[in-house]
Amino acid sequence: MRDTIRITRATTRRPRPKDQELGFGTVFTDHMFLADFEEEKGWYDPRIEPYGPLTLEPSAAVLHYAGTQKPWHARYPDSGEKDRYRSLVARMQEGESRAGW
């Protein structure tokens, strides 16, 4: 991708937070980087736009991640790794509570 990056500036700016107020997933920038992808063309049309919603295909793997993880114990019921499974479930539950689910 060797295209020039187009920049569209936000019309309003968010107040800059203090350093001690910064936190992952709680403070966001005024802008975001986007690029399109097609198998034949690769990545193209790079741009920086005002922060806003993303468009995703309903079949995007990220939307179906939990469904791929939960049946782990059913595939390996006698593997002797039940503690590993419990640890995995605990981490997932911790992440869900942080995400507010």
N, C-alpha and C. Protein backbone atom coordinates (compact mmCIF):
# COMPACT_ATOMS: atom_id res chain seq x y z
N MET A 1 0.85 -1.17 0.00
CA MET A 1 0.00 0.00 0.00
C MET A 1 0.90 1.23 0.00
N ARG A 2 0.92 1.93 -1.10
CA ARG A 2 1.76 3.12 -1.22
C ARG A 2 0.92 4.36 -1.52
N ASP A 3 -0.37 4.28 -1.23
CA ASP A 3 -1.25 5.42 -1.50
C ASP A 3 -0.98 6.54 -0.51
N THR A 4 -1.32 7.74 -0.93
CA THR A 4 -1.28 8.88 -0.02
C THR A 4 -2.43 8.73 0.97
N ILE A 5 -2.18 9.02 2.22
CA ILE A 5 -3.23 8.90 3.24
C ILE A 5 -4.05 10.18 3.28
N ARG A 6 -5.34 10.05 2.95
CA ARG A 6 -6.26 11.19 3.04
C ARG A 6 -6.58 11.45 4.50
N ILE A 7 -6.69 12.71 4.86
CA ILE A 7 -7.03 13.07 6.24
C ILE A 7 -8.27 13.95 6.23
N THR A 8 -9.29 13.53 6.97
CA THR A 8 -10.49 14.33 7.18
C THR A 8 -10.53 14.66 8.67
N ARG A 9 -10.40 15.92 9.00
CA ARG A 9 -10.32 16.31 10.41
C ARG A 9 -11.72 16.38 11.04
N ALA A 10 -11.78 16.02 12.31
CA ALA A 10 -13.02 16.10 13.07
C ALA A 10 -13.41 17.57 13.24
N THR A 11 -14.70 17.84 13.20
CA THR A 11 -15.15 19.23 13.34
C THR A 11 -15.19 19.67 14.80
N THR A 12 -15.33 18.70 15.72
CA THR A 12 -15.28 19.02 17.14
C THR A 12 -14.20 18.16 17.78
N ARG A 13 -13.55 18.69 18.80
CA ARG A 13 -12.47 17.97 19.48
C ARG A 13 -12.92 17.61 20.89
N ARG A 14 -12.50 16.45 21.34
CA ARG A 14 -12.75 16.04 22.73
C ARG A 14 -11.72 16.73 23.62
N PRO A 15 -12.08 16.99 24.87
CA PRO A 15 -11.08 17.57 25.77
C PRO A 15 -9.96 16.57 26.02
N ARG A 16 -8.74 17.06 26.11
CA ARG A 16 -7.60 16.18 26.37
C ARG A 16 -7.62 15.75 27.84
N PRO A 17 -7.62 14.43 28.10
CA PRO A 17 -7.65 13.96 29.50
C PRO A 17 -6.29 14.12 30.17
N LYS A 18 -6.32 14.16 31.49
CA LYS A 18 -5.07 14.18 32.26
C LYS A 18 -4.45 12.79 32.19
N ASP A 19 -3.13 12.73 32.33
CA ASP A 19 -2.43 11.45 32.23
C ASP A 19 -3.01 10.40 33.17
N GLN A 20 -3.36 10.77 34.39
CA GLN A 20 -3.87 9.80 35.36
C GLN A 20 -5.29 9.33 35.02
N GLU A 21 -5.96 9.99 34.08
CA GLU A 21 -7.30 9.59 33.66
C GLU A 21 -7.29 8.63 32.48
N LEU A 22 -6.11 8.40 31.89
CA LEU A 22 -6.02 7.54 30.72
C LEU A 22 -6.27 6.09 31.11
N GLY A 23 -6.95 5.35 30.25
CA GLY A 23 -7.21 3.94 30.50
C GLY A 23 -7.63 3.26 29.21
N PHE A 24 -7.24 2.02 29.07
CA PHE A 24 -7.57 1.27 27.85
C PHE A 24 -9.07 1.09 27.74
N GLY A 25 -9.63 1.43 26.60
CA GLY A 25 -11.05 1.24 26.37
C GLY A 25 -11.95 2.26 27.03
N THR A 26 -11.36 3.30 27.60
CA THR A 26 -12.17 4.33 28.26
C THR A 26 -11.96 5.72 27.67
N VAL A 27 -10.82 5.95 27.04
CA VAL A 27 -10.50 7.24 26.44
C VAL A 27 -10.19 6.99 24.97
N PHE A 28 -10.81 7.79 24.10
CA PHE A 28 -10.66 7.56 22.67
C PHE A 28 -10.16 8.81 21.96
N THR A 29 -9.53 8.61 20.83
CA THR A 29 -9.01 9.74 20.05
C THR A 29 -10.13 10.38 19.25
N ASP A 30 -9.81 11.49 18.63
CA ASP A 30 -10.78 12.18 17.78
C ASP A 30 -10.82 11.57 16.38
N HIS A 31 -9.82 10.76 16.05
CA HIS A 31 -9.70 10.22 14.70
C HIS A 31 -9.39 8.73 14.71
N MET A 32 -9.57 8.09 13.55
CA MET A 32 -9.22 6.67 13.41
C MET A 32 -8.69 6.43 12.00
N PHE A 33 -7.83 5.42 11.89
CA PHE A 33 -7.25 5.04 10.61
C PHE A 33 -8.10 3.94 10.00
N LEU A 34 -8.41 4.08 8.71
CA LEU A 34 -9.17 3.06 7.97
C LEU A 34 -8.47 2.77 6.66
N ALA A 35 -8.63 1.55 6.17
CA ALA A 35 -8.17 1.16 4.84
C ALA A 35 -9.08 0.04 4.37
N ASP A 36 -9.27 -0.04 3.07
CA ASP A 36 -10.10 -1.11 2.49
C ASP A 36 -9.20 -2.24 2.03
N PHE A 37 -9.79 -3.43 1.88
CA PHE A 37 -9.04 -4.59 1.43
C PHE A 37 -9.86 -5.40 0.45
N GLU A 38 -9.24 -5.80 -0.63
CA GLU A 38 -9.82 -6.74 -1.59
C GLU A 38 -8.72 -7.71 -1.98
N GLU A 39 -9.07 -8.96 -2.15
CA GLU A 39 -8.09 -10.00 -2.46
C GLU A 39 -7.25 -9.62 -3.69
N GLU A 40 -7.90 -9.08 -4.71
CA GLU A 40 -7.19 -8.76 -5.96
C GLU A 40 -6.30 -7.53 -5.81
N LYS A 41 -6.74 -6.55 -5.01
CA LYS A 41 -6.02 -5.28 -4.89
C LYS A 41 -5.14 -5.19 -3.66
N GLY A 42 -5.43 -6.00 -2.65
CA GLY A 42 -4.74 -5.84 -1.37
C GLY A 42 -5.33 -4.66 -0.62
N TRP A 43 -4.53 -4.07 0.27
CA TRP A 43 -4.99 -2.91 1.04
C TRP A 43 -4.93 -1.67 0.15
N TYR A 44 -5.96 -0.84 0.23
CA TYR A 44 -5.99 0.37 -0.57
C TYR A 44 -6.86 1.43 0.11
N ASP A 45 -6.82 2.63 -0.39
CA ASP A 45 -7.59 3.76 0.11
C ASP A 45 -7.36 4.01 1.60
N PRO A 46 -6.09 4.21 2.01
CA PRO A 46 -5.84 4.51 3.43
C PRO A 46 -6.32 5.92 3.75
N ARG A 47 -6.91 6.06 4.94
CA ARG A 47 -7.43 7.37 5.31
C ARG A 47 -7.55 7.50 6.82
N ILE A 48 -7.50 8.74 7.27
CA ILE A 48 -7.76 9.07 8.66
C ILE A 48 -9.05 9.88 8.67
N GLU A 49 -10.01 9.40 9.46
CA GLU A 49 -11.32 10.03 9.50
C GLU A 49 -11.70 10.34 10.95
N PRO A 50 -12.72 11.18 11.15
CA PRO A 50 -13.20 11.40 12.51
C PRO A 50 -13.66 10.08 13.14
N TYR A 51 -13.47 9.95 14.43
CA TYR A 51 -13.89 8.76 15.17
C TYR A 51 -15.37 8.51 14.93
N GLY A 52 -15.72 7.25 14.68
CA GLY A 52 -17.11 6.91 14.44
C GLY A 52 -17.32 5.41 14.36
N PRO A 53 -18.53 4.97 14.05
CA PRO A 53 -18.84 3.54 14.01
C PRO A 53 -18.08 2.81 12.90
N LEU A 54 -17.83 1.53 13.12
CA LEU A 54 -17.22 0.67 12.11
C LEU A 54 -18.29 -0.20 11.47
N THR A 55 -18.10 -0.55 10.23
CA THR A 55 -19.01 -1.47 9.55
C THR A 55 -18.35 -2.84 9.51
N LEU A 56 -19.05 -3.86 10.02
CA LEU A 56 -18.54 -5.23 10.02
C LEU A 56 -19.54 -6.17 9.35
N GLU A 57 -19.01 -7.17 8.69
CA GLU A 57 -19.86 -8.23 8.17
C GLU A 57 -20.43 -9.02 9.35
N PRO A 58 -21.69 -9.42 9.31
CA PRO A 58 -22.25 -10.23 10.41
C PRO A 58 -21.49 -11.54 10.62
N SER A 59 -20.79 -12.01 9.60
CA SER A 59 -20.05 -13.26 9.72
C SER A 59 -18.62 -13.06 10.22
N ALA A 60 -18.26 -11.83 10.60
CA ALA A 60 -16.89 -11.56 11.08
C ALA A 60 -16.56 -12.47 12.26
N ALA A 61 -15.39 -13.09 12.22
CA ALA A 61 -14.98 -14.05 13.25
C ALA A 61 -15.00 -13.42 14.65
N VAL A 62 -14.68 -12.14 14.73
CA VAL A 62 -14.64 -11.50 16.05
C VAL A 62 -15.99 -11.55 16.75
N LEU A 63 -17.08 -11.60 16.00
CA LEU A 63 -18.41 -11.66 16.59
C LEU A 63 -18.77 -13.07 17.06
N HIS A 64 -17.99 -14.05 16.67
CA HIS A 64 -18.31 -15.44 16.98
C HIS A 64 -17.23 -16.11 17.82
N TYR A 65 -16.35 -15.32 18.43
CA TYR A 65 -15.21 -15.85 19.17
C TYR A 65 -15.65 -16.76 20.32
N ALA A 66 -16.60 -16.32 21.12
CA ALA A 66 -17.01 -17.11 22.30
C ALA A 66 -17.52 -18.48 21.88
N GLY A 67 -18.24 -18.55 20.80
CA GLY A 67 -18.75 -19.83 20.33
C GLY A 67 -17.66 -20.80 19.93
N THR A 68 -16.50 -20.28 19.58
CA THR A 68 -15.40 -21.17 19.21
C THR A 68 -14.61 -21.63 20.43
N GLN A 69 -14.78 -20.97 21.56
CA GLN A 69 -13.98 -21.27 22.74
C GLN A 69 -14.69 -22.17 23.75
N LYS A 70 -15.98 -22.00 23.96
CA LYS A 70 -16.66 -22.69 25.04
C LYS A 70 -16.70 -24.21 24.91
N PRO A 71 -16.74 -24.81 23.72
CA PRO A 71 -16.83 -26.27 23.67
C PRO A 71 -15.50 -26.98 23.92
N TRP A 72 -14.46 -26.27 24.34
CA TRP A 72 -13.15 -26.88 24.51
C TRP A 72 -13.22 -28.11 25.41
N HIS A 73 -13.97 -28.02 26.51
CA HIS A 73 -14.04 -29.14 27.45
C HIS A 73 -14.74 -30.34 26.85
N ALA A 74 -15.66 -30.11 25.93
CA ALA A 74 -16.38 -31.23 25.32
C ALA A 74 -15.47 -32.01 24.36
N ARG A 75 -14.51 -31.33 23.76
CA ARG A 75 -13.62 -32.01 22.82
C ARG A 75 -12.57 -32.83 23.55
N TYR A 76 -12.18 -32.42 24.75
CA TYR A 76 -11.12 -33.09 25.49
C TYR A 76 -11.56 -33.40 26.92
N PRO A 77 -12.64 -34.18 27.10
CA PRO A 77 -13.18 -34.38 28.45
C PRO A 77 -12.26 -35.15 29.39
N ASP A 78 -11.40 -36.02 28.88
CA ASP A 78 -10.55 -36.84 29.74
C ASP A 78 -9.08 -36.53 29.52
N SER A 79 -8.76 -35.33 29.15
CA SER A 79 -7.38 -35.01 28.80
C SER A 79 -6.51 -34.71 30.02
N GLY A 80 -7.11 -34.62 31.21
CA GLY A 80 -6.32 -34.28 32.38
C GLY A 80 -5.98 -32.81 32.46
N GLU A 81 -6.57 -32.00 31.60
CA GLU A 81 -6.28 -30.57 31.58
C GLU A 81 -7.47 -29.75 32.07
N LYS A 82 -8.24 -30.31 32.98
CA LYS A 82 -9.42 -29.59 33.46
C LYS A 82 -9.04 -28.30 34.18
N ASP A 83 -7.89 -28.30 34.85
CA ASP A 83 -7.45 -27.06 35.51
C ASP A 83 -7.16 -25.98 34.49
N ARG A 84 -6.59 -26.37 33.37
CA ARG A 84 -6.32 -25.41 32.30
C ARG A 84 -7.64 -24.85 31.77
N TYR A 85 -8.63 -25.72 31.61
CA TYR A 85 -9.94 -25.26 31.15
C TYR A 85 -10.56 -24.30 32.16
N ARG A 86 -10.50 -24.65 33.44
CA ARG A 86 -11.06 -23.77 34.47
C ARG A 86 -10.37 -22.39 34.44
N SER A 87 -9.07 -22.40 34.22
CA SER A 87 -8.33 -21.15 34.13
C SER A 87 -8.80 -20.33 32.92
N LEU A 88 -9.01 -21.00 31.80
CA LEU A 88 -9.49 -20.34 30.59
C LEU A 88 -10.86 -19.72 30.84
N VAL A 89 -11.75 -20.48 31.45
CA VAL A 89 -13.10 -19.97 31.74
C VAL A 89 -13.03 -18.78 32.68
N ALA A 90 -12.18 -18.86 33.71
CA ALA A 90 -12.04 -17.75 34.66
C ALA A 90 -11.55 -16.49 33.95
N ARG A 91 -10.58 -16.64 33.04
CA ARG A 91 -10.09 -15.47 32.29
C ARG A 91 -11.18 -14.89 31.41
N MET A 92 -11.96 -15.75 30.76
CA MET A 92 -13.05 -15.27 29.91
C MET A 92 -14.09 -14.53 30.75
N GLN A 93 -14.44 -15.07 31.90
CA GLN A 93 -15.42 -14.42 32.76
C GLN A 93 -14.90 -13.09 33.28
N GLU A 94 -13.62 -13.03 33.61
CA GLU A 94 -13.03 -11.78 34.06
C GLU A 94 -13.10 -10.73 32.94
N GLY A 95 -12.78 -11.16 31.72
CA GLY A 95 -12.87 -10.24 30.59
C GLY A 95 -14.28 -9.78 30.33
N GLU A 96 -15.25 -10.70 30.48
CA GLU A 96 -16.65 -10.34 30.28
C GLU A 96 -17.10 -9.31 31.32
N SER A 97 -16.67 -9.48 32.56
CA SER A 97 -17.09 -8.52 33.59
C SER A 97 -16.45 -7.15 33.33
N ARG A 98 -15.18 -7.14 32.87
CA ARG A 98 -14.54 -5.86 32.55
C ARG A 98 -15.26 -5.19 31.38
N ALA A 99 -15.75 -6.01 30.43
CA ALA A 99 -16.45 -5.45 29.26
C ALA A 99 -17.88 -5.07 29.59
N GLY A 100 -18.35 -5.43 30.79
CA GLY A 100 -19.71 -5.08 31.18
C GLY A 100 -20.75 -6.05 30.69
N TRP A 101 -20.36 -7.30 30.38
CA TRP A 101 -21.32 -8.30 29.89
C TRP A 101 -21.93 -9.06 31.02
